Amino acid sequence: MHLLRRLIKVADHRLPYADQVAQLRRQRQWLIDLEHILDPAPDARPSPLTSQAVAQQVDRYLTDLLAPTGPATEETDHQVAVHIDQTLRNRWWGLFTCYDVPALPRTNNELERYMRRIKTGQRRILGHKDVHDFLIRYGRYVACVDYRESPEALLTRLSQVSQDDFQRTRQAMNSALLREQKRHRFRHHQADYLCGLESQWAAAVEKSTQ
């Protein structure tokens, strides 16, 4: 009887939220449906899967979702549906490019995991939670780091790069690194940055008048 009373008490606590739970599940299903459209199962995937075809399916789903007689007829449901629609429409310009570009991933999840792995490795090495200085110091060069890669594997990978490609990439990465460092200094050490520019300008004027 004691366990039964506890079960009844738990059920009584849940009953007032039954409608809210049903609503949240319904709204979650909309995201699941969109995910299935954007990334259909292999057995349900048309061939070829083009950006135009996927965009038409997503557009049709969103239109039906917002229709007066569609699933989002209640006020709260309609607000959530409008938010979903606006979020996708704002990213429409690049949302479907991956279907027309070979080997282009649909999401940046793998990139996020890769960057998180780099930050975690640096935290273990430095013992500091914040690795912002490391990213500012090395910029895009951190993408060359993989803590799961052995030195032998690294040398093997680098040996496949030609000298011309190396110099060209190095120059581009150095330019990007310098640009990011200047932006960081201007945002966080603006007075010192401007003083440095004034000193450079004064030195250039003095040199030109000699």
N, C-alpha and C. Protein backbone atom coordinates (compact mmCIF):
# COMPACT_ATOMS: atom_id res chain seq x y z
N MET A 1 0.82 -1.20 0.00
CA MET A 1 0.00 0.00 0.00
C MET A 1 0.86 1.27 0.00
N HIS A 2 2.00 1.20 0.71
CA HIS A 2 2.88 2.36 0.76
C HIS A 2 3.39 2.71 -0.63
N LEU A 3 3.84 1.70 -1.39
CA LEU A 3 4.33 1.94 -2.74
C LEU A 3 3.22 2.43 -3.65
N LEU A 4 2.01 1.92 -3.45
CA LEU A 4 0.88 2.34 -4.27
C LEU A 4 0.56 3.81 -4.01
N ARG A 5 0.59 4.23 -2.75
CA ARG A 5 0.32 5.63 -2.43
C ARG A 5 1.37 6.55 -3.05
N ARG A 6 2.64 6.10 -3.03
CA ARG A 6 3.70 6.90 -3.65
C ARG A 6 3.50 7.00 -5.15
N LEU A 7 3.08 5.90 -5.78
CA LEU A 7 2.83 5.91 -7.21
C LEU A 7 1.69 6.84 -7.56
N ILE A 8 0.63 6.83 -6.76
CA ILE A 8 -0.51 7.72 -7.00
C ILE A 8 -0.09 9.18 -6.83
N LYS A 9 0.77 9.43 -5.84
CA LYS A 9 1.25 10.79 -5.61
C LYS A 9 2.07 11.30 -6.79
N VAL A 10 2.94 10.42 -7.32
CA VAL A 10 3.74 10.80 -8.49
C VAL A 10 2.85 11.07 -9.68
N ALA A 11 1.84 10.21 -9.88
CA ALA A 11 0.91 10.39 -10.99
C ALA A 11 0.14 11.69 -10.86
N ASP A 12 -0.24 12.05 -9.64
CA ASP A 12 -0.96 13.30 -9.42
C ASP A 12 -0.10 14.50 -9.77
N HIS A 13 1.21 14.40 -9.51
CA HIS A 13 2.12 15.50 -9.85
C HIS A 13 2.28 15.63 -11.37
N ARG A 14 2.19 14.53 -12.09
CA ARG A 14 2.40 14.55 -13.53
C ARG A 14 1.17 15.01 -14.30
N LEU A 15 -0.01 14.73 -13.79
CA LEU A 15 -1.24 15.01 -14.53
C LEU A 15 -1.37 16.48 -14.96
N PRO A 16 -1.05 17.46 -14.10
CA PRO A 16 -1.21 18.86 -14.53
C PRO A 16 -0.33 19.23 -15.72
N TYR A 17 0.75 18.47 -15.95
CA TYR A 17 1.68 18.80 -17.04
C TYR A 17 1.47 17.93 -18.28
N ALA A 18 0.41 17.15 -18.28
CA ALA A 18 0.20 16.22 -19.40
C ALA A 18 0.03 16.96 -20.72
N ASP A 19 -0.75 18.05 -20.70
CA ASP A 19 -0.97 18.81 -21.94
C ASP A 19 0.32 19.47 -22.41
N GLN A 20 1.11 20.00 -21.46
CA GLN A 20 2.36 20.64 -21.83
C GLN A 20 3.35 19.64 -22.40
N VAL A 21 3.42 18.45 -21.81
CA VAL A 21 4.31 17.40 -22.32
C VAL A 21 3.89 17.00 -23.72
N ALA A 22 2.59 16.84 -23.95
CA ALA A 22 2.10 16.47 -25.28
C ALA A 22 2.44 17.55 -26.31
N GLN A 23 2.34 18.81 -25.90
CA GLN A 23 2.66 19.91 -26.81
C GLN A 23 4.15 19.92 -27.16
N LEU A 24 5.01 19.73 -26.16
CA LEU A 24 6.45 19.72 -26.41
C LEU A 24 6.86 18.55 -27.30
N ARG A 25 6.22 17.41 -27.09
CA ARG A 25 6.50 16.26 -27.95
C ARG A 25 6.06 16.54 -29.38
N ARG A 26 4.93 17.22 -29.52
CA ARG A 26 4.44 17.54 -30.86
C ARG A 26 5.40 18.50 -31.57
N GLN A 27 5.89 19.50 -30.84
CA GLN A 27 6.83 20.45 -31.42
C GLN A 27 8.18 19.80 -31.72
N ARG A 28 8.60 18.90 -30.87
CA ARG A 28 9.84 18.18 -31.13
C ARG A 28 9.73 17.35 -32.40
N GLN A 29 8.55 16.78 -32.64
CA GLN A 29 8.36 15.96 -33.83
C GLN A 29 8.55 16.76 -35.11
N TRP A 30 8.22 18.06 -35.06
CA TRP A 30 8.45 18.89 -36.25
C TRP A 30 9.93 18.95 -36.60
N LEU A 31 10.77 19.09 -35.58
CA LEU A 31 12.22 19.11 -35.82
C LEU A 31 12.72 17.76 -36.33
N ILE A 32 12.14 16.69 -35.79
CA ILE A 32 12.53 15.36 -36.24
C ILE A 32 12.13 15.16 -37.70
N ASP A 33 10.95 15.63 -38.07
CA ASP A 33 10.48 15.52 -39.46
C ASP A 33 11.41 16.29 -40.40
N LEU A 34 11.81 17.49 -39.99
CA LEU A 34 12.72 18.29 -40.81
C LEU A 34 14.08 17.62 -40.93
N GLU A 35 14.53 17.01 -39.85
CA GLU A 35 15.81 16.29 -39.89
C GLU A 35 15.75 15.14 -40.88
N HIS A 36 14.63 14.44 -40.93
CA HIS A 36 14.48 13.33 -41.87
C HIS A 36 14.44 13.83 -43.32
N ILE A 37 13.91 15.04 -43.52
CA ILE A 37 13.90 15.60 -44.87
C ILE A 37 15.31 16.00 -45.28
N LEU A 38 16.03 16.64 -44.36
CA LEU A 38 17.38 17.10 -44.66
C LEU A 38 18.38 15.95 -44.76
N ASP A 39 18.14 14.89 -44.01
CA ASP A 39 19.05 13.74 -44.00
C ASP A 39 18.23 12.46 -44.06
N PRO A 40 17.65 12.15 -45.22
CA PRO A 40 16.78 10.97 -45.32
C PRO A 40 17.57 9.67 -45.15
N ALA A 41 16.87 8.65 -44.71
CA ALA A 41 17.49 7.33 -44.56
C ALA A 41 17.94 6.82 -45.92
N PRO A 42 18.99 6.00 -45.96
CA PRO A 42 19.51 5.50 -47.25
C PRO A 42 18.45 4.81 -48.11
N ASP A 43 17.55 4.05 -47.50
CA ASP A 43 16.54 3.33 -48.28
C ASP A 43 15.43 4.25 -48.77
N ALA A 44 15.31 5.46 -48.17
CA ALA A 44 14.28 6.41 -48.59
C ALA A 44 14.87 7.58 -49.35
N ARG A 45 16.16 7.53 -49.63
CA ARG A 45 16.84 8.65 -50.27
C ARG A 45 16.71 8.56 -51.79
N PRO A 46 16.15 9.59 -52.43
CA PRO A 46 16.07 9.57 -53.90
C PRO A 46 17.45 9.74 -54.50
N SER A 47 17.60 9.29 -55.70
CA SER A 47 18.88 9.41 -56.39
C SER A 47 18.67 10.14 -57.72
N PRO A 48 19.38 11.25 -57.95
CA PRO A 48 20.31 11.90 -57.01
C PRO A 48 19.58 12.82 -56.04
N LEU A 49 20.19 13.07 -54.89
CA LEU A 49 19.64 13.98 -53.89
C LEU A 49 20.19 15.37 -54.18
N THR A 50 19.36 16.26 -54.69
CA THR A 50 19.81 17.58 -55.11
C THR A 50 19.32 18.65 -54.14
N SER A 51 19.99 19.79 -54.19
CA SER A 51 19.60 20.90 -53.31
C SER A 51 18.21 21.41 -53.64
N GLN A 52 17.88 21.41 -54.92
CA GLN A 52 16.55 21.90 -55.33
C GLN A 52 15.44 21.01 -54.79
N ALA A 53 15.64 19.69 -54.87
CA ALA A 53 14.62 18.76 -54.40
C ALA A 53 14.43 18.87 -52.89
N VAL A 54 15.53 18.94 -52.14
CA VAL A 54 15.43 19.03 -50.68
C VAL A 54 14.82 20.37 -50.28
N ALA A 55 15.21 21.45 -50.95
CA ALA A 55 14.66 22.76 -50.64
C ALA A 55 13.15 22.79 -50.87
N GLN A 56 12.68 22.15 -51.92
CA GLN A 56 11.25 22.10 -52.20
C GLN A 56 10.51 21.33 -51.11
N GLN A 57 11.09 20.23 -50.64
CA GLN A 57 10.45 19.46 -49.57
C GLN A 57 10.38 20.25 -48.27
N VAL A 58 11.47 20.92 -47.93
CA VAL A 58 11.48 21.71 -46.70
C VAL A 58 10.49 22.87 -46.80
N ASP A 59 10.47 23.53 -47.94
CA ASP A 59 9.55 24.64 -48.14
C ASP A 59 8.10 24.16 -48.03
N ARG A 60 7.80 23.01 -48.61
CA ARG A 60 6.44 22.46 -48.54
C ARG A 60 6.07 22.12 -47.10
N TYR A 61 7.02 21.55 -46.36
CA TYR A 61 6.73 21.18 -44.97
C TYR A 61 6.47 22.42 -44.12
N LEU A 62 7.30 23.46 -44.28
CA LEU A 62 7.11 24.68 -43.50
C LEU A 62 5.81 25.38 -43.86
N THR A 63 5.48 25.37 -45.13
CA THR A 63 4.22 25.98 -45.55
C THR A 63 3.03 25.27 -44.94
N ASP A 64 3.04 23.94 -44.96
CA ASP A 64 1.96 23.16 -44.35
C ASP A 64 1.91 23.37 -42.84
N LEU A 65 3.09 23.53 -42.22
CA LEU A 65 3.15 23.71 -40.78
C LEU A 65 2.49 25.01 -40.35
N LEU A 66 2.64 26.05 -41.16
CA LEU A 66 2.11 27.37 -40.84
C LEU A 66 0.74 27.62 -41.42
N ALA A 67 0.20 26.67 -42.15
CA ALA A 67 -1.12 26.83 -42.75
C ALA A 67 -2.19 26.98 -41.66
N PRO A 68 -3.27 27.72 -41.93
CA PRO A 68 -4.34 27.90 -40.92
C PRO A 68 -4.90 26.60 -40.39
N THR A 69 -4.91 25.58 -41.21
CA THR A 69 -5.42 24.27 -40.77
C THR A 69 -4.29 23.29 -40.53
N GLY A 70 -3.05 23.80 -40.42
CA GLY A 70 -1.90 22.93 -40.22
C GLY A 70 -1.73 22.55 -38.77
N PRO A 71 -0.62 21.86 -38.46
CA PRO A 71 -0.37 21.39 -37.08
C PRO A 71 -0.24 22.53 -36.07
N ALA A 72 0.30 23.68 -36.50
CA ALA A 72 0.57 24.79 -35.57
C ALA A 72 -0.62 25.73 -35.52
N THR A 73 -1.76 25.23 -35.04
CA THR A 73 -2.97 26.05 -34.97
C THR A 73 -3.11 26.76 -33.63
N GLU A 74 -2.60 26.17 -32.56
CA GLU A 74 -2.63 26.83 -31.26
C GLU A 74 -1.60 27.96 -31.22
N GLU A 75 -1.83 28.93 -30.34
CA GLU A 75 -0.99 30.12 -30.30
C GLU A 75 0.47 29.79 -30.00
N THR A 76 0.69 28.96 -28.96
CA THR A 76 2.06 28.60 -28.60
C THR A 76 2.71 27.77 -29.70
N ASP A 77 1.97 26.85 -30.28
CA ASP A 77 2.49 26.05 -31.38
C ASP A 77 2.85 26.95 -32.56
N HIS A 78 2.00 27.93 -32.82
CA HIS A 78 2.24 28.83 -33.94
C HIS A 78 3.51 29.65 -33.72
N GLN A 79 3.74 30.11 -32.50
CA GLN A 79 4.95 30.88 -32.20
C GLN A 79 6.21 30.03 -32.43
N VAL A 80 6.17 28.79 -31.98
CA VAL A 80 7.31 27.89 -32.19
C VAL A 80 7.51 27.62 -33.67
N ALA A 81 6.41 27.39 -34.39
CA ALA A 81 6.51 27.11 -35.83
C ALA A 81 7.07 28.31 -36.58
N VAL A 82 6.66 29.52 -36.20
CA VAL A 82 7.19 30.74 -36.84
C VAL A 82 8.69 30.86 -36.58
N HIS A 83 9.11 30.55 -35.36
CA HIS A 83 10.54 30.60 -35.03
C HIS A 83 11.33 29.60 -35.87
N ILE A 84 10.81 28.40 -36.01
CA ILE A 84 11.48 27.38 -36.83
C ILE A 84 11.57 27.85 -38.27
N ASP A 85 10.46 28.38 -38.77
CA ASP A 85 10.42 28.86 -40.16
C ASP A 85 11.42 29.98 -40.38
N GLN A 86 11.47 30.96 -39.48
CA GLN A 86 12.40 32.08 -39.64
C GLN A 86 13.85 31.63 -39.54
N THR A 87 14.12 30.69 -38.64
CA THR A 87 15.49 30.19 -38.48
C THR A 87 15.99 29.54 -39.76
N LEU A 88 15.14 28.72 -40.37
CA LEU A 88 15.55 28.05 -41.60
C LEU A 88 15.60 29.02 -42.77
N ARG A 89 14.65 29.94 -42.85
CA ARG A 89 14.63 30.89 -43.97
C ARG A 89 15.86 31.80 -43.92
N ASN A 90 16.30 32.18 -42.73
CA ASN A 90 17.47 33.05 -42.62
C ASN A 90 18.75 32.36 -43.07
N ARG A 91 18.74 31.03 -43.04
CA ARG A 91 19.92 30.27 -43.46
C ARG A 91 19.70 29.58 -44.81
N TRP A 92 18.67 29.97 -45.49
CA TRP A 92 18.26 29.30 -46.72
C TRP A 92 19.34 29.36 -47.79
N TRP A 93 20.08 30.49 -47.81
CA TRP A 93 21.06 30.72 -48.89
C TRP A 93 22.15 29.65 -48.92
N GLY A 94 22.49 29.06 -47.76
CA GLY A 94 23.55 28.06 -47.76
C GLY A 94 23.14 26.74 -47.15
N LEU A 95 21.86 26.58 -46.90
CA LEU A 95 21.39 25.40 -46.18
C LEU A 95 21.45 24.13 -47.03
N PHE A 96 21.36 24.28 -48.34
CA PHE A 96 21.24 23.10 -49.21
C PHE A 96 22.43 22.93 -50.15
N THR A 97 23.47 23.74 -49.96
CA THR A 97 24.64 23.67 -50.84
C THR A 97 25.32 22.30 -50.76
N CYS A 98 25.26 21.68 -49.59
CA CYS A 98 25.99 20.42 -49.38
C CYS A 98 25.52 19.31 -50.31
N TYR A 99 24.29 19.41 -50.82
CA TYR A 99 23.77 18.34 -51.67
C TYR A 99 24.33 18.41 -53.09
N ASP A 100 24.90 19.56 -53.46
CA ASP A 100 25.45 19.73 -54.81
C ASP A 100 26.98 19.74 -54.82
N VAL A 101 27.61 19.77 -53.66
CA VAL A 101 29.08 19.80 -53.57
C VAL A 101 29.54 18.47 -52.98
N PRO A 102 30.26 17.67 -53.72
CA PRO A 102 30.72 16.38 -53.21
C PRO A 102 31.62 16.55 -51.98
N ALA A 103 31.42 15.66 -51.01
CA ALA A 103 32.23 15.59 -49.78
C ALA A 103 32.02 16.77 -48.84
N LEU A 104 31.07 17.67 -49.14
CA LEU A 104 30.79 18.78 -48.24
C LEU A 104 29.79 18.30 -47.19
N PRO A 105 30.16 18.32 -45.90
CA PRO A 105 29.25 17.82 -44.86
C PRO A 105 28.02 18.70 -44.72
N ARG A 106 26.92 18.10 -44.30
CA ARG A 106 25.67 18.84 -44.16
C ARG A 106 25.69 19.76 -42.95
N THR A 107 26.40 19.36 -41.88
CA THR A 107 26.50 20.18 -40.67
C THR A 107 27.96 20.39 -40.33
N ASN A 108 28.21 21.26 -39.38
CA ASN A 108 29.58 21.51 -38.91
C ASN A 108 29.85 20.78 -37.60
N ASN A 109 29.07 19.73 -37.32
CA ASN A 109 29.24 19.00 -36.06
C ASN A 109 30.64 18.40 -35.93
N GLU A 110 31.13 17.83 -37.04
CA GLU A 110 32.46 17.22 -37.00
C GLU A 110 33.53 18.27 -36.77
N LEU A 111 33.36 19.44 -37.37
CA LEU A 111 34.31 20.54 -37.16
C LEU A 111 34.28 21.01 -35.71
N GLU A 112 33.09 21.09 -35.13
CA GLU A 112 32.97 21.50 -33.72
C GLU A 112 33.66 20.49 -32.81
N ARG A 113 33.47 19.21 -33.10
CA ARG A 113 34.13 18.18 -32.29
C ARG A 113 35.63 18.25 -32.43
N TYR A 114 36.12 18.55 -33.64
CA TYR A 114 37.55 18.66 -33.88
C TYR A 114 38.15 19.82 -33.08
N MET A 115 37.47 20.97 -33.12
CA MET A 115 37.98 22.12 -32.37
C MET A 115 37.91 21.88 -30.86
N ARG A 116 36.88 21.19 -30.43
CA ARG A 116 36.77 20.88 -28.99
C ARG A 116 37.90 19.94 -28.57
N ARG A 117 38.28 19.03 -29.47
CA ARG A 117 39.38 18.11 -29.17
C ARG A 117 40.70 18.87 -29.07
N ILE A 118 40.90 19.87 -29.93
CA ILE A 118 42.11 20.68 -29.87
C ILE A 118 42.17 21.47 -28.56
N LYS A 119 41.05 22.08 -28.18
CA LYS A 119 41.01 22.86 -26.94
C LYS A 119 41.23 21.97 -25.73
N THR A 120 40.64 20.78 -25.75
CA THR A 120 40.82 19.86 -24.62
C THR A 120 42.28 19.45 -24.49
N GLY A 121 42.94 19.19 -25.62
CA GLY A 121 44.35 18.83 -25.59
C GLY A 121 45.22 19.94 -25.03
N GLN A 122 44.91 21.18 -25.40
CA GLN A 122 45.68 22.31 -24.88
C GLN A 122 45.44 22.53 -23.39
N ARG A 123 44.21 22.31 -22.95
CA ARG A 123 43.93 22.45 -21.51
C ARG A 123 44.73 21.44 -20.70
N ARG A 124 44.87 20.25 -21.25
CA ARG A 124 45.66 19.23 -20.54
C ARG A 124 47.13 19.60 -20.51
N ILE A 125 47.62 20.21 -21.58
CA ILE A 125 49.04 20.58 -21.65
C ILE A 125 49.33 21.78 -20.76
N LEU A 126 48.49 22.82 -20.86
CA LEU A 126 48.76 24.07 -20.15
C LEU A 126 48.24 24.06 -18.72
N GLY A 127 47.21 23.27 -18.47
CA GLY A 127 46.60 23.28 -17.14
C GLY A 127 45.69 24.45 -16.92
N HIS A 128 45.34 25.19 -17.98
CA HIS A 128 44.44 26.34 -17.88
C HIS A 128 43.14 26.03 -18.62
N LYS A 129 42.05 26.54 -18.06
CA LYS A 129 40.76 26.33 -18.70
C LYS A 129 40.62 27.15 -19.97
N ASP A 130 41.16 28.37 -19.94
CA ASP A 130 41.04 29.28 -21.07
C ASP A 130 42.21 29.06 -22.04
N VAL A 131 41.89 28.75 -23.28
CA VAL A 131 42.93 28.54 -24.31
C VAL A 131 42.84 29.61 -25.38
N HIS A 132 42.22 30.73 -25.03
CA HIS A 132 42.04 31.80 -26.02
C HIS A 132 43.38 32.34 -26.51
N ASP A 133 44.34 32.51 -25.59
CA ASP A 133 45.65 33.03 -25.99
C ASP A 133 46.33 32.09 -26.98
N PHE A 134 46.16 30.79 -26.80
CA PHE A 134 46.74 29.81 -27.72
C PHE A 134 46.16 29.98 -29.12
N LEU A 135 44.84 30.19 -29.20
CA LEU A 135 44.19 30.35 -30.50
C LEU A 135 44.61 31.65 -31.17
N ILE A 136 44.75 32.72 -30.38
CA ILE A 136 45.17 34.00 -30.95
C ILE A 136 46.62 33.93 -31.42
N ARG A 137 47.46 33.21 -30.68
CA ARG A 137 48.88 33.16 -31.03
C ARG A 137 49.11 32.36 -32.31
N TYR A 138 48.38 31.27 -32.49
CA TYR A 138 48.66 30.39 -33.62
C TYR A 138 47.57 30.39 -34.70
N GLY A 139 46.41 30.94 -34.41
CA GLY A 139 45.38 31.08 -35.43
C GLY A 139 45.04 29.79 -36.15
N ARG A 140 45.04 29.85 -37.48
CA ARG A 140 44.66 28.69 -38.29
C ARG A 140 45.66 27.55 -38.18
N TYR A 141 46.84 27.83 -37.65
CA TYR A 141 47.83 26.76 -37.52
C TYR A 141 47.37 25.67 -36.54
N VAL A 142 46.44 26.01 -35.66
CA VAL A 142 45.97 24.99 -34.71
C VAL A 142 45.25 23.87 -35.43
N ALA A 143 44.76 24.14 -36.65
CA ALA A 143 44.08 23.09 -37.41
C ALA A 143 45.05 22.00 -37.85
N CYS A 144 46.35 22.27 -37.78
CA CYS A 144 47.35 21.27 -38.15
C CYS A 144 47.66 20.33 -36.99
N VAL A 145 47.09 20.60 -35.83
CA VAL A 145 47.37 19.81 -34.64
C VAL A 145 46.32 18.72 -34.49
N ASP A 146 46.78 17.52 -34.25
CA ASP A 146 45.88 16.41 -33.94
C ASP A 146 46.57 15.56 -32.88
N TYR A 147 46.05 15.63 -31.66
CA TYR A 147 46.71 14.97 -30.54
C TYR A 147 46.61 13.45 -30.61
N ARG A 148 45.79 12.94 -31.52
CA ARG A 148 45.70 11.50 -31.69
C ARG A 148 46.71 10.99 -32.71
N GLU A 149 47.41 11.90 -33.39
CA GLU A 149 48.33 11.53 -34.45
C GLU A 149 49.74 11.37 -33.89
N SER A 150 50.40 10.30 -34.26
CA SER A 150 51.77 10.06 -33.82
C SER A 150 52.74 10.92 -34.64
N PRO A 151 53.96 11.17 -34.12
CA PRO A 151 54.95 11.94 -34.88
C PRO A 151 55.27 11.29 -36.23
N GLU A 152 55.30 9.98 -36.26
CA GLU A 152 55.57 9.29 -37.52
C GLU A 152 54.47 9.55 -38.55
N ALA A 153 53.22 9.48 -38.08
CA ALA A 153 52.09 9.74 -38.99
C ALA A 153 52.09 11.18 -39.46
N LEU A 154 52.49 12.10 -38.57
CA LEU A 154 52.58 13.51 -38.95
C LEU A 154 53.62 13.71 -40.04
N LEU A 155 54.80 13.11 -39.89
CA LEU A 155 55.84 13.26 -40.91
C LEU A 155 55.41 12.65 -42.23
N THR A 156 54.71 11.52 -42.17
CA THR A 156 54.21 10.89 -43.39
C THR A 156 53.21 11.81 -44.10
N ARG A 157 52.35 12.43 -43.33
CA ARG A 157 51.34 13.32 -43.92
C ARG A 157 52.00 14.55 -44.53
N LEU A 158 52.97 15.14 -43.82
CA LEU A 158 53.62 16.35 -44.32
C LEU A 158 54.49 16.06 -45.54
N SER A 159 55.04 14.85 -45.63
CA SER A 159 55.90 14.51 -46.77
C SER A 159 55.12 14.46 -48.07
N GLN A 160 53.80 14.42 -48.00
CA GLN A 160 52.97 14.37 -49.20
C GLN A 160 52.66 15.76 -49.75
N VAL A 161 53.10 16.80 -49.04
CA VAL A 161 52.84 18.18 -49.45
C VAL A 161 54.04 18.71 -50.22
N SER A 162 53.79 19.28 -51.39
CA SER A 162 54.88 19.84 -52.19
C SER A 162 55.37 21.15 -51.57
N GLN A 163 56.59 21.54 -51.93
CA GLN A 163 57.18 22.75 -51.39
C GLN A 163 56.38 23.98 -51.80
N ASP A 164 55.90 24.02 -53.05
CA ASP A 164 55.13 25.17 -53.52
C ASP A 164 53.81 25.29 -52.76
N ASP A 165 53.13 24.16 -52.57
CA ASP A 165 51.87 24.20 -51.82
C ASP A 165 52.11 24.63 -50.37
N PHE A 166 53.22 24.16 -49.81
CA PHE A 166 53.55 24.53 -48.43
C PHE A 166 53.77 26.03 -48.30
N GLN A 167 54.58 26.60 -49.19
CA GLN A 167 54.87 28.04 -49.12
C GLN A 167 53.62 28.87 -49.37
N ARG A 168 52.79 28.44 -50.31
CA ARG A 168 51.58 29.18 -50.62
C ARG A 168 50.59 29.15 -49.43
N THR A 169 50.42 27.99 -48.85
CA THR A 169 49.52 27.87 -47.70
C THR A 169 50.07 28.59 -46.50
N ARG A 170 51.37 28.51 -46.32
CA ARG A 170 52.00 29.20 -45.18
C ARG A 170 51.81 30.70 -45.28
N GLN A 171 51.97 31.25 -46.48
CA GLN A 171 51.79 32.69 -46.66
C GLN A 171 50.34 33.10 -46.38
N ALA A 172 49.39 32.31 -46.85
CA ALA A 172 47.98 32.62 -46.61
C ALA A 172 47.63 32.54 -45.12
N MET A 173 48.17 31.53 -44.43
CA MET A 173 47.88 31.37 -43.01
C MET A 173 48.56 32.45 -42.18
N ASN A 174 49.76 32.87 -42.58
CA ASN A 174 50.44 33.96 -41.87
C ASN A 174 49.66 35.26 -42.02
N SER A 175 49.13 35.51 -43.21
CA SER A 175 48.34 36.73 -43.44
C SER A 175 47.08 36.71 -42.60
N ALA A 176 46.40 35.55 -42.56
CA ALA A 176 45.19 35.44 -41.76
C ALA A 176 45.50 35.58 -40.27
N LEU A 177 46.61 35.00 -39.82
CA LEU A 177 47.00 35.09 -38.41
C LEU A 177 47.30 36.53 -38.02
N LEU A 178 48.02 37.26 -38.87
CA LEU A 178 48.34 38.66 -38.58
C LEU A 178 47.08 39.51 -38.53
N ARG A 179 46.15 39.22 -39.43
CA ARG A 179 44.89 39.97 -39.46
C ARG A 179 44.08 39.74 -38.17
N GLU A 180 44.01 38.50 -37.73
CA GLU A 180 43.28 38.18 -36.50
C GLU A 180 43.96 38.79 -35.27
N GLN A 181 45.28 38.78 -35.25
CA GLN A 181 46.00 39.36 -34.11
C GLN A 181 45.79 40.87 -34.05
N LYS A 182 45.79 41.53 -35.21
CA LYS A 182 45.53 42.97 -35.23
C LYS A 182 44.12 43.27 -34.75
N ARG A 183 43.16 42.47 -35.20
CA ARG A 183 41.78 42.67 -34.78
C ARG A 183 41.63 42.48 -33.26
N HIS A 184 42.31 41.47 -32.74
CA HIS A 184 42.25 41.21 -31.31
C HIS A 184 42.88 42.36 -30.52
N ARG A 185 44.03 42.84 -30.96
CA ARG A 185 44.69 43.95 -30.27
C ARG A 185 43.84 45.21 -30.31
N PHE A 186 43.20 45.47 -31.44
CA PHE A 186 42.37 46.68 -31.56
C PHE A 186 41.16 46.60 -30.63
N ARG A 187 40.59 45.42 -30.48
CA ARG A 187 39.41 45.27 -29.63
C ARG A 187 39.75 45.31 -28.14
N HIS A 188 40.86 44.69 -27.76
CA HIS A 188 41.14 44.50 -26.34
C HIS A 188 42.28 45.38 -25.82
N HIS A 189 43.12 45.92 -26.71
CA HIS A 189 44.23 46.79 -26.29
C HIS A 189 44.29 47.97 -27.27
N GLN A 190 43.17 48.66 -27.36
CA GLN A 190 43.02 49.68 -28.40
C GLN A 190 44.02 50.81 -28.24
N ALA A 191 44.24 51.27 -27.01
CA ALA A 191 45.17 52.39 -26.81
C ALA A 191 46.59 52.03 -27.26
N ASP A 192 47.06 50.86 -26.87
CA ASP A 192 48.41 50.43 -27.27
C ASP A 192 48.49 50.24 -28.78
N TYR A 193 47.42 49.72 -29.36
CA TYR A 193 47.41 49.49 -30.81
C TYR A 193 47.50 50.81 -31.57
N LEU A 194 46.72 51.80 -31.13
CA LEU A 194 46.74 53.10 -31.81
C LEU A 194 48.06 53.82 -31.60
N CYS A 195 48.64 53.67 -30.41
CA CYS A 195 49.96 54.26 -30.17
C CYS A 195 51.01 53.64 -31.10
N GLY A 196 50.89 52.35 -31.31
CA GLY A 196 51.82 51.68 -32.22
C GLY A 196 51.67 52.19 -33.64
N LEU A 197 50.43 52.42 -34.08
CA LEU A 197 50.20 52.97 -35.42
C LEU A 197 50.77 54.38 -35.55
N GLU A 198 50.59 55.19 -34.49
CA GLU A 198 51.13 56.55 -34.52
C GLU A 198 52.66 56.53 -34.60
N SER A 199 53.26 55.60 -33.88
CA SER A 199 54.73 55.50 -33.92
C SER A 199 55.20 55.08 -35.31
N GLN A 200 54.50 54.14 -35.91
CA GLN A 200 54.86 53.71 -37.26
C GLN A 200 54.70 54.85 -38.26
N TRP A 201 53.61 55.61 -38.10
CA TRP A 201 53.38 56.74 -39.02
C TRP A 201 54.45 57.81 -38.83
N ALA A 202 54.81 58.11 -37.59
CA ALA A 202 55.85 59.12 -37.35
C ALA A 202 57.19 58.68 -37.92
N ALA A 203 57.50 57.37 -37.77
CA ALA A 203 58.76 56.85 -38.32
C ALA A 203 58.76 56.91 -39.83
N ALA A 204 57.61 56.63 -40.46
CA ALA A 204 57.53 56.68 -41.92
C ALA A 204 57.67 58.12 -42.43
N VAL A 205 57.05 59.10 -41.72
CA VAL A 205 57.16 60.49 -42.12
C VAL A 205 58.59 60.99 -41.99
N GLU A 206 59.24 60.64 -40.88
CA GLU A 206 60.63 61.05 -40.66
C GLU A 206 61.55 60.47 -41.71
N LYS A 207 61.31 59.22 -42.08
CA LYS A 207 62.15 58.58 -43.10
C LYS A 207 61.96 59.22 -44.46
N SER A 208 60.72 59.62 -44.78
CA SER A 208 60.44 60.21 -46.09
C SER A 208 61.00 61.61 -46.23
N THR A 209 61.23 62.30 -45.12
CA THR A 209 61.74 63.67 -45.18
C THR A 209 63.25 63.76 -45.09
N GLN A 210 63.91 62.65 -44.90
CA GLN A 210 65.37 62.65 -44.81
C GLN A 210 66.01 62.80 -46.18
